[in-house]
Amino acid sequence: MPDCAGFPARPVSPDDLDLICRHREAMFLEAGGIAADLSVMGAHFRPWLRERLADGRYYGFVLLDAGIPIAGIGLMTLDWPPHPNHPEQDRRGYVLNVYVEPGHRRRGLASALMELADAEFARRGVGFAVLHATDAGRPVYAGLGWQATAEMAKRIG
């Protein structure tokens, strides 16, 4: 098990379903999400995640303190057409659900998780990745070389 900022890291597994769901909801609540909306999201996210944990489309890492999960990161490899940012690849990495338990923040754990993500993407031959940053996460990612892009979004319907 690799060491990450002084804590052991292990790959996520299907047994982490509840943990990842809890981290995701807490992340969105802390970013100003509405509890009722997050409840609906969670009801749909859980079966989506269960399937992807089982078949390996969702991968990532959990950091442990005395065997207790204290932080996690989710990763996916997305089918994506070649793009100016990755002109020779038809896929890109996606980082999601980065979360550090409140009692373990300000210790570099999010940065350490992001370094694990970089290494895992490189190991899988993924040369470009994206993420959606919260206000709290943005300075962490910028400090690791991530750059803002011109992406926009719209709800349809």
N, C-alpha and C. Protein backbone atom coordinates (compact mmCIF):
# COMPACT_ATOMS: atom_id res chain seq x y z
N MET A 1 0.85 -1.18 0.00
CA MET A 1 0.00 0.00 0.00
C MET A 1 0.90 1.24 0.00
N PRO A 2 0.73 2.12 -1.00
CA PRO A 2 1.57 3.32 -1.04
C PRO A 2 1.26 4.27 0.11
N ASP A 3 2.27 5.03 0.50
CA ASP A 3 2.09 6.05 1.53
C ASP A 3 1.80 7.38 0.84
N CYS A 4 0.88 8.13 1.39
CA CYS A 4 0.44 9.38 0.75
C CYS A 4 0.30 10.44 1.84
N ALA A 5 1.22 11.40 1.87
CA ALA A 5 1.21 12.45 2.89
C ALA A 5 1.21 11.86 4.29
N GLY A 6 1.91 10.73 4.45
CA GLY A 6 2.00 10.09 5.76
C GLY A 6 0.88 9.12 6.08
N PHE A 7 -0.05 8.92 5.16
CA PHE A 7 -1.16 8.00 5.36
C PHE A 7 -1.16 6.94 4.27
N PRO A 8 -1.48 5.71 4.63
CA PRO A 8 -1.54 4.68 3.58
C PRO A 8 -2.71 4.93 2.65
N ALA A 9 -2.48 4.62 1.37
CA ALA A 9 -3.51 4.75 0.34
C ALA A 9 -3.81 3.37 -0.21
N ARG A 10 -5.08 3.14 -0.52
CA ARG A 10 -5.45 1.89 -1.17
C ARG A 10 -6.44 2.21 -2.29
N PRO A 11 -6.52 1.34 -3.30
CA PRO A 11 -7.51 1.56 -4.36
C PRO A 11 -8.94 1.43 -3.83
N VAL A 12 -9.86 2.17 -4.43
CA VAL A 12 -11.27 2.00 -4.08
C VAL A 12 -11.72 0.61 -4.52
N SER A 13 -12.76 0.14 -3.87
CA SER A 13 -13.34 -1.17 -4.21
C SER A 13 -14.86 -1.06 -4.11
N PRO A 14 -15.57 -2.07 -4.58
CA PRO A 14 -17.03 -2.05 -4.43
C PRO A 14 -17.49 -1.90 -2.97
N ASP A 15 -16.65 -2.32 -2.03
CA ASP A 15 -17.00 -2.16 -0.62
C ASP A 15 -17.04 -0.70 -0.17
N ASP A 16 -16.51 0.21 -0.99
CA ASP A 16 -16.47 1.64 -0.66
C ASP A 16 -17.71 2.39 -1.14
N LEU A 17 -18.72 1.69 -1.61
CA LEU A 17 -19.91 2.35 -2.14
C LEU A 17 -20.49 3.37 -1.16
N ASP A 18 -20.74 2.97 0.08
CA ASP A 18 -21.33 3.89 1.06
C ASP A 18 -20.41 5.07 1.34
N LEU A 19 -19.12 4.80 1.48
CA LEU A 19 -18.15 5.87 1.76
C LEU A 19 -18.15 6.91 0.64
N ILE A 20 -18.07 6.45 -0.60
CA ILE A 20 -18.01 7.38 -1.73
C ILE A 20 -19.30 8.19 -1.82
N CYS A 21 -20.43 7.53 -1.61
CA CYS A 21 -21.72 8.25 -1.64
C CYS A 21 -21.77 9.31 -0.55
N ARG A 22 -21.30 8.96 0.64
CA ARG A 22 -21.28 9.92 1.76
C ARG A 22 -20.35 11.09 1.46
N HIS A 23 -19.15 10.79 0.95
CA HIS A 23 -18.20 11.85 0.61
C HIS A 23 -18.78 12.77 -0.46
N ARG A 24 -19.42 12.19 -1.47
CA ARG A 24 -19.96 13.01 -2.57
C ARG A 24 -21.05 13.96 -2.05
N GLU A 25 -21.95 13.44 -1.23
CA GLU A 25 -23.01 14.30 -0.70
C GLU A 25 -22.43 15.39 0.19
N ALA A 26 -21.48 15.05 1.04
CA ALA A 26 -20.86 16.05 1.91
C ALA A 26 -20.13 17.11 1.09
N MET A 27 -19.45 16.69 0.03
CA MET A 27 -18.73 17.63 -0.83
C MET A 27 -19.70 18.66 -1.41
N PHE A 28 -20.83 18.18 -1.94
CA PHE A 28 -21.79 19.10 -2.54
C PHE A 28 -22.50 19.95 -1.49
N LEU A 29 -22.78 19.40 -0.33
CA LEU A 29 -23.39 20.20 0.74
C LEU A 29 -22.46 21.34 1.15
N GLU A 30 -21.19 21.04 1.33
CA GLU A 30 -20.22 22.05 1.73
C GLU A 30 -20.04 23.12 0.66
N ALA A 31 -20.31 22.75 -0.60
CA ALA A 31 -20.19 23.71 -1.71
C ALA A 31 -21.47 24.50 -1.92
N GLY A 32 -22.45 24.32 -1.02
CA GLY A 32 -23.68 25.10 -1.10
C GLY A 32 -24.85 24.38 -1.72
N GLY A 33 -24.74 23.06 -1.89
CA GLY A 33 -25.84 22.30 -2.48
C GLY A 33 -27.07 22.28 -1.58
N ILE A 34 -28.20 22.01 -2.18
CA ILE A 34 -29.47 21.94 -1.46
C ILE A 34 -29.73 20.48 -1.10
N ALA A 35 -29.98 20.23 0.18
CA ALA A 35 -30.11 18.86 0.68
C ALA A 35 -31.14 18.04 -0.09
N ALA A 36 -32.29 18.62 -0.42
CA ALA A 36 -33.32 17.87 -1.14
C ALA A 36 -32.83 17.46 -2.53
N ASP A 37 -32.12 18.35 -3.22
CA ASP A 37 -31.57 18.02 -4.54
C ASP A 37 -30.52 16.92 -4.41
N LEU A 38 -29.72 17.01 -3.37
CA LEU A 38 -28.66 16.02 -3.17
C LEU A 38 -29.23 14.66 -2.82
N SER A 39 -30.35 14.64 -2.15
CA SER A 39 -31.00 13.37 -1.84
C SER A 39 -31.45 12.68 -3.12
N VAL A 40 -32.04 13.44 -4.03
CA VAL A 40 -32.44 12.88 -5.32
C VAL A 40 -31.20 12.40 -6.09
N MET A 41 -30.17 13.24 -6.11
CA MET A 41 -28.94 12.87 -6.79
C MET A 41 -28.39 11.57 -6.22
N GLY A 42 -28.34 11.47 -4.90
CA GLY A 42 -27.79 10.29 -4.25
C GLY A 42 -28.54 9.02 -4.59
N ALA A 43 -29.86 9.12 -4.69
CA ALA A 43 -30.67 7.94 -5.03
C ALA A 43 -30.34 7.43 -6.43
N HIS A 44 -29.94 8.32 -7.32
CA HIS A 44 -29.57 7.91 -8.68
C HIS A 44 -28.08 7.61 -8.79
N PHE A 45 -27.27 8.26 -7.97
CA PHE A 45 -25.83 8.05 -8.02
C PHE A 45 -25.44 6.66 -7.51
N ARG A 46 -26.09 6.21 -6.45
CA ARG A 46 -25.71 4.93 -5.83
C ARG A 46 -25.73 3.76 -6.83
N PRO A 47 -26.82 3.52 -7.57
CA PRO A 47 -26.78 2.39 -8.51
C PRO A 47 -25.81 2.63 -9.66
N TRP A 48 -25.68 3.89 -10.07
CA TRP A 48 -24.71 4.22 -11.12
C TRP A 48 -23.30 3.85 -10.66
N LEU A 49 -22.97 4.26 -9.44
CA LEU A 49 -21.64 3.99 -8.91
C LEU A 49 -21.42 2.50 -8.67
N ARG A 50 -22.43 1.81 -8.13
CA ARG A 50 -22.30 0.38 -7.85
C ARG A 50 -21.84 -0.37 -9.10
N GLU A 51 -22.48 -0.09 -10.23
CA GLU A 51 -22.15 -0.74 -11.49
C GLU A 51 -20.72 -0.42 -11.92
N ARG A 52 -20.32 0.82 -11.78
CA ARG A 52 -18.99 1.24 -12.25
C ARG A 52 -17.87 0.81 -11.31
N LEU A 53 -18.14 0.71 -10.02
CA LEU A 53 -17.15 0.13 -9.11
C LEU A 53 -16.95 -1.35 -9.44
N ALA A 54 -18.04 -2.03 -9.73
CA ALA A 54 -17.97 -3.48 -10.00
C ALA A 54 -17.18 -3.78 -11.27
N ASP A 55 -17.35 -2.96 -12.30
CA ASP A 55 -16.67 -3.27 -13.56
C ASP A 55 -15.37 -2.48 -13.77
N GLY A 56 -15.02 -1.62 -12.81
CA GLY A 56 -13.74 -0.91 -12.89
C GLY A 56 -13.76 0.39 -13.66
N ARG A 57 -14.93 0.80 -14.17
CA ARG A 57 -14.97 2.09 -14.88
C ARG A 57 -14.78 3.26 -13.93
N TYR A 58 -15.11 3.08 -12.67
CA TYR A 58 -14.83 4.07 -11.62
C TYR A 58 -13.70 3.49 -10.79
N TYR A 59 -12.62 4.22 -10.70
CA TYR A 59 -11.48 3.78 -9.91
C TYR A 59 -10.98 4.96 -9.10
N GLY A 60 -10.04 4.76 -8.25
CA GLY A 60 -9.53 5.86 -7.44
C GLY A 60 -8.86 5.33 -6.20
N PHE A 61 -8.77 6.19 -5.19
CA PHE A 61 -8.02 5.85 -3.99
C PHE A 61 -8.71 6.35 -2.73
N VAL A 62 -8.43 5.69 -1.64
CA VAL A 62 -8.88 6.09 -0.31
C VAL A 62 -7.64 6.19 0.57
N LEU A 63 -7.55 7.25 1.36
CA LEU A 63 -6.48 7.37 2.35
C LEU A 63 -7.02 6.92 3.70
N LEU A 64 -6.16 6.28 4.48
CA LEU A 64 -6.56 5.71 5.76
C LEU A 64 -5.73 6.27 6.91
N ASP A 65 -6.38 6.43 8.04
CA ASP A 65 -5.71 6.79 9.28
C ASP A 65 -6.10 5.71 10.29
N ALA A 66 -5.15 4.90 10.68
CA ALA A 66 -5.41 3.77 11.59
C ALA A 66 -6.53 2.89 11.05
N GLY A 67 -6.53 2.69 9.73
CA GLY A 67 -7.50 1.83 9.09
C GLY A 67 -8.84 2.48 8.78
N ILE A 68 -9.01 3.73 9.18
CA ILE A 68 -10.27 4.45 8.96
C ILE A 68 -10.13 5.35 7.74
N PRO A 69 -11.07 5.30 6.78
CA PRO A 69 -10.99 6.19 5.62
C PRO A 69 -11.12 7.66 6.03
N ILE A 70 -10.20 8.48 5.53
CA ILE A 70 -10.20 9.91 5.86
C ILE A 70 -10.27 10.80 4.64
N ALA A 71 -10.07 10.23 3.46
CA ALA A 71 -10.08 11.02 2.23
C ALA A 71 -10.22 10.08 1.05
N GLY A 72 -10.74 10.61 -0.04
CA GLY A 72 -10.87 9.78 -1.23
C GLY A 72 -10.91 10.62 -2.50
N ILE A 73 -10.67 9.93 -3.60
CA ILE A 73 -10.70 10.53 -4.93
C ILE A 73 -11.24 9.49 -5.90
N GLY A 74 -12.11 9.96 -6.81
CA GLY A 74 -12.62 9.10 -7.86
C GLY A 74 -12.01 9.48 -9.19
N LEU A 75 -11.81 8.48 -10.04
CA LEU A 75 -11.22 8.69 -11.36
C LEU A 75 -12.00 7.89 -12.39
N MET A 76 -12.08 8.43 -13.58
CA MET A 76 -12.68 7.72 -14.69
C MET A 76 -11.88 8.03 -15.96
N THR A 77 -11.92 7.12 -16.90
CA THR A 77 -11.36 7.37 -18.22
C THR A 77 -12.55 7.49 -19.17
N LEU A 78 -12.70 8.66 -19.77
CA LEU A 78 -13.85 8.95 -20.62
C LEU A 78 -13.49 8.80 -22.09
N ASP A 79 -14.39 8.20 -22.84
CA ASP A 79 -14.29 8.17 -24.29
C ASP A 79 -14.50 9.60 -24.77
N TRP A 80 -13.54 10.15 -25.52
CA TRP A 80 -13.62 11.54 -25.94
C TRP A 80 -12.90 11.68 -27.27
N PRO A 81 -13.43 12.43 -28.20
CA PRO A 81 -12.73 12.54 -29.48
C PRO A 81 -11.40 13.26 -29.33
N PRO A 82 -10.46 12.97 -30.22
CA PRO A 82 -9.22 13.74 -30.19
C PRO A 82 -9.53 15.24 -30.18
N HIS A 83 -8.72 15.97 -29.43
CA HIS A 83 -9.00 17.37 -29.12
C HIS A 83 -7.66 18.11 -29.13
N PRO A 84 -7.65 19.42 -29.33
CA PRO A 84 -6.37 20.13 -29.30
C PRO A 84 -5.55 19.85 -28.03
N ASN A 85 -6.20 19.58 -26.90
CA ASN A 85 -5.47 19.28 -25.67
C ASN A 85 -4.95 17.84 -25.61
N HIS A 86 -5.50 16.97 -26.46
CA HIS A 86 -5.02 15.58 -26.54
C HIS A 86 -5.27 15.08 -27.97
N PRO A 87 -4.51 15.65 -28.94
CA PRO A 87 -4.79 15.41 -30.35
C PRO A 87 -4.56 13.97 -30.83
N GLU A 88 -3.81 13.19 -30.07
CA GLU A 88 -3.54 11.81 -30.49
C GLU A 88 -4.27 10.78 -29.65
N GLN A 89 -5.09 11.23 -28.72
CA GLN A 89 -5.82 10.30 -27.86
C GLN A 89 -7.32 10.49 -28.00
N ASP A 90 -8.04 9.39 -27.92
CA ASP A 90 -9.50 9.42 -28.02
C ASP A 90 -10.15 9.18 -26.66
N ARG A 91 -9.51 9.69 -25.63
CA ARG A 91 -10.02 9.57 -24.26
C ARG A 91 -9.38 10.64 -23.41
N ARG A 92 -9.98 10.88 -22.26
CA ARG A 92 -9.42 11.81 -21.29
C ARG A 92 -9.78 11.31 -19.90
N GLY A 93 -8.97 11.71 -18.95
CA GLY A 93 -9.26 11.36 -17.57
C GLY A 93 -10.25 12.34 -16.98
N TYR A 94 -10.98 11.86 -15.98
CA TYR A 94 -11.91 12.72 -15.26
C TYR A 94 -11.73 12.47 -13.77
N VAL A 95 -11.54 13.54 -13.01
CA VAL A 95 -11.38 13.48 -11.55
C VAL A 95 -12.68 13.92 -10.92
N LEU A 96 -13.17 13.15 -9.95
CA LEU A 96 -14.40 13.51 -9.28
C LEU A 96 -14.37 13.05 -7.83
N ASN A 97 -15.26 13.62 -7.06
CA ASN A 97 -15.46 13.19 -5.67
C ASN A 97 -14.20 13.28 -4.81
N VAL A 98 -13.44 14.34 -4.98
CA VAL A 98 -12.29 14.57 -4.11
C VAL A 98 -12.82 15.08 -2.78
N TYR A 99 -12.52 14.36 -1.70
CA TYR A 99 -13.06 14.76 -0.41
C TYR A 99 -12.09 14.36 0.70
N VAL A 100 -11.88 15.29 1.62
CA VAL A 100 -11.07 15.06 2.82
C VAL A 100 -11.96 15.33 4.03
N GLU A 101 -11.98 14.38 4.95
CA GLU A 101 -12.78 14.56 6.17
C GLU A 101 -12.32 15.84 6.88
N PRO A 102 -13.27 16.61 7.44
CA PRO A 102 -12.92 17.91 8.04
C PRO A 102 -11.78 17.86 9.06
N GLY A 103 -11.69 16.84 9.87
CA GLY A 103 -10.64 16.76 10.87
C GLY A 103 -9.25 16.48 10.32
N HIS A 104 -9.17 16.21 9.02
CA HIS A 104 -7.87 15.90 8.40
C HIS A 104 -7.49 16.91 7.31
N ARG A 105 -8.16 18.03 7.27
CA ARG A 105 -7.87 19.04 6.24
C ARG A 105 -6.65 19.86 6.60
N ARG A 106 -6.13 20.56 5.59
CA ARG A 106 -4.96 21.44 5.72
C ARG A 106 -3.69 20.66 6.05
N ARG A 107 -3.65 19.41 5.58
CA ARG A 107 -2.45 18.57 5.76
C ARG A 107 -1.87 18.11 4.43
N GLY A 108 -2.40 18.65 3.33
CA GLY A 108 -1.89 18.27 2.01
C GLY A 108 -2.49 17.00 1.44
N LEU A 109 -3.57 16.51 2.03
CA LEU A 109 -4.14 15.24 1.57
C LEU A 109 -4.78 15.36 0.20
N ALA A 110 -5.48 16.45 -0.07
CA ALA A 110 -6.07 16.62 -1.41
C ALA A 110 -4.98 16.67 -2.47
N SER A 111 -3.90 17.38 -2.18
CA SER A 111 -2.79 17.44 -3.13
C SER A 111 -2.17 16.06 -3.33
N ALA A 112 -2.03 15.32 -2.25
CA ALA A 112 -1.46 13.97 -2.34
C ALA A 112 -2.37 13.07 -3.17
N LEU A 113 -3.68 13.19 -2.98
CA LEU A 113 -4.62 12.40 -3.79
C LEU A 113 -4.50 12.76 -5.26
N MET A 114 -4.35 14.05 -5.55
CA MET A 114 -4.22 14.48 -6.94
C MET A 114 -2.93 13.95 -7.56
N GLU A 115 -1.87 13.85 -6.77
CA GLU A 115 -0.63 13.27 -7.30
C GLU A 115 -0.81 11.79 -7.59
N LEU A 116 -1.55 11.09 -6.73
CA LEU A 116 -1.89 9.69 -7.02
C LEU A 116 -2.69 9.59 -8.31
N ALA A 117 -3.62 10.52 -8.50
CA ALA A 117 -4.43 10.52 -9.73
C ALA A 117 -3.54 10.70 -10.96
N ASP A 118 -2.62 11.66 -10.90
CA ASP A 118 -1.71 11.88 -12.02
C ASP A 118 -0.96 10.59 -12.36
N ALA A 119 -0.44 9.94 -11.34
CA ALA A 119 0.33 8.71 -11.55
C ALA A 119 -0.56 7.60 -12.13
N GLU A 120 -1.77 7.50 -11.65
CA GLU A 120 -2.68 6.45 -12.15
C GLU A 120 -3.08 6.72 -13.59
N PHE A 121 -3.39 7.96 -13.91
CA PHE A 121 -3.70 8.28 -15.30
C PHE A 121 -2.50 7.97 -16.19
N ALA A 122 -1.31 8.36 -15.77
CA ALA A 122 -0.11 8.08 -16.56
C ALA A 122 0.07 6.57 -16.73
N ARG A 123 -0.15 5.81 -15.68
CA ARG A 123 -0.02 4.35 -15.74
C ARG A 123 -0.99 3.76 -16.77
N ARG A 124 -2.15 4.37 -16.90
CA ARG A 124 -3.17 3.89 -17.84
C ARG A 124 -3.01 4.51 -19.23
N GLY A 125 -1.99 5.34 -19.42
CA GLY A 125 -1.75 5.95 -20.71
C GLY A 125 -2.67 7.12 -21.04
N VAL A 126 -3.27 7.73 -20.02
CA VAL A 126 -4.15 8.88 -20.21
C VAL A 126 -3.31 10.14 -20.04
N GLY A 127 -3.25 10.97 -21.08
CA GLY A 127 -2.36 12.11 -21.07
C GLY A 127 -3.02 13.46 -20.81
N PHE A 128 -4.33 13.48 -20.57
CA PHE A 128 -5.04 14.74 -20.32
C PHE A 128 -6.22 14.42 -19.42
N ALA A 129 -6.48 15.29 -18.46
CA ALA A 129 -7.60 15.06 -17.54
C ALA A 129 -8.29 16.37 -17.23
N VAL A 130 -9.55 16.26 -16.82
CA VAL A 130 -10.36 17.41 -16.44
C VAL A 130 -11.01 17.15 -15.09
N LEU A 131 -11.48 18.22 -14.48
CA LEU A 131 -12.24 18.12 -13.24
C LEU A 131 -13.12 19.35 -13.13
N HIS A 132 -14.08 19.30 -12.25
CA HIS A 132 -14.89 20.46 -11.91
C HIS A 132 -14.55 20.82 -10.47
N ALA A 133 -14.06 22.03 -10.27
CA ALA A 133 -13.54 22.44 -8.97
C ALA A 133 -14.57 23.21 -8.16
N THR A 134 -14.60 22.92 -6.87
CA THR A 134 -15.33 23.78 -5.94
C THR A 134 -14.47 25.00 -5.67
N ASP A 135 -15.04 26.01 -5.05
CA ASP A 135 -14.25 27.19 -4.69
C ASP A 135 -13.12 26.81 -3.75
N ALA A 136 -13.38 25.88 -2.83
CA ALA A 136 -12.35 25.47 -1.89
C ALA A 136 -11.24 24.69 -2.58
N GLY A 137 -11.57 23.91 -3.60
CA GLY A 137 -10.58 23.09 -4.27
C GLY A 137 -9.76 23.82 -5.32
N ARG A 138 -10.33 24.88 -5.87
CA ARG A 138 -9.67 25.57 -7.00
C ARG A 138 -8.22 25.96 -6.70
N PRO A 139 -7.89 26.56 -5.55
CA PRO A 139 -6.48 26.92 -5.32
C PRO A 139 -5.57 25.70 -5.19
N VAL A 140 -6.10 24.63 -4.66
CA VAL A 140 -5.30 23.40 -4.55
C VAL A 140 -4.93 22.91 -5.94
N TYR A 141 -5.94 22.82 -6.83
CA TYR A 141 -5.69 22.33 -8.18
C TYR A 141 -4.79 23.28 -8.96
N ALA A 142 -5.02 24.57 -8.83
CA ALA A 142 -4.18 25.54 -9.54
C ALA A 142 -2.72 25.40 -9.11
N GLY A 143 -2.51 25.17 -7.83
CA GLY A 143 -1.15 25.00 -7.32
C GLY A 143 -0.46 23.75 -7.84
N LEU A 144 -1.25 22.82 -8.37
CA LEU A 144 -0.71 21.58 -8.93
C LEU A 144 -0.62 21.63 -10.45
N GLY A 145 -0.88 22.82 -11.02
CA GLY A 145 -0.74 22.99 -12.46
C GLY A 145 -2.02 22.87 -13.26
N TRP A 146 -3.16 22.67 -12.61
CA TRP A 146 -4.43 22.61 -13.33
C TRP A 146 -4.80 24.02 -13.77
N GLN A 147 -5.42 24.14 -14.94
CA GLN A 147 -5.80 25.44 -15.48
C GLN A 147 -7.29 25.49 -15.76
N ALA A 148 -7.89 26.66 -15.58
CA ALA A 148 -9.29 26.86 -15.92
C ALA A 148 -9.46 26.73 -17.42
N THR A 149 -10.63 26.20 -17.83
CA THR A 149 -10.93 26.07 -19.26
C THR A 149 -12.17 26.90 -19.59
N ALA A 150 -12.57 26.86 -20.83
CA ALA A 150 -13.70 27.66 -21.30
C ALA A 150 -15.02 26.88 -21.28
N GLU A 151 -15.10 25.81 -20.53
CA GLU A 151 -16.33 25.02 -20.52
C GLU A 151 -17.52 25.82 -20.01
N MET A 152 -18.66 25.57 -20.61
CA MET A 152 -19.93 26.16 -20.17
C MET A 152 -20.91 25.02 -19.98
N ALA A 153 -22.03 25.30 -19.31
CA ALA A 153 -23.02 24.26 -19.06
C ALA A 153 -24.43 24.84 -19.17
N LYS A 154 -25.39 23.95 -19.45
CA LYS A 154 -26.79 24.37 -19.55
C LYS A 154 -27.67 23.17 -19.23
N ARG A 155 -28.70 23.42 -18.42
CA ARG A 155 -29.73 22.39 -18.18
C ARG A 155 -30.66 22.37 -19.39
N ILE A 156 -30.98 21.19 -19.86
CA ILE A 156 -31.88 21.03 -21.00
C ILE A 156 -33.21 20.51 -20.49
N GLY A 157 -34.27 21.18 -20.84
CA GLY A 157 -35.61 20.70 -20.48
C GLY A 157 -36.19 21.31 -19.25
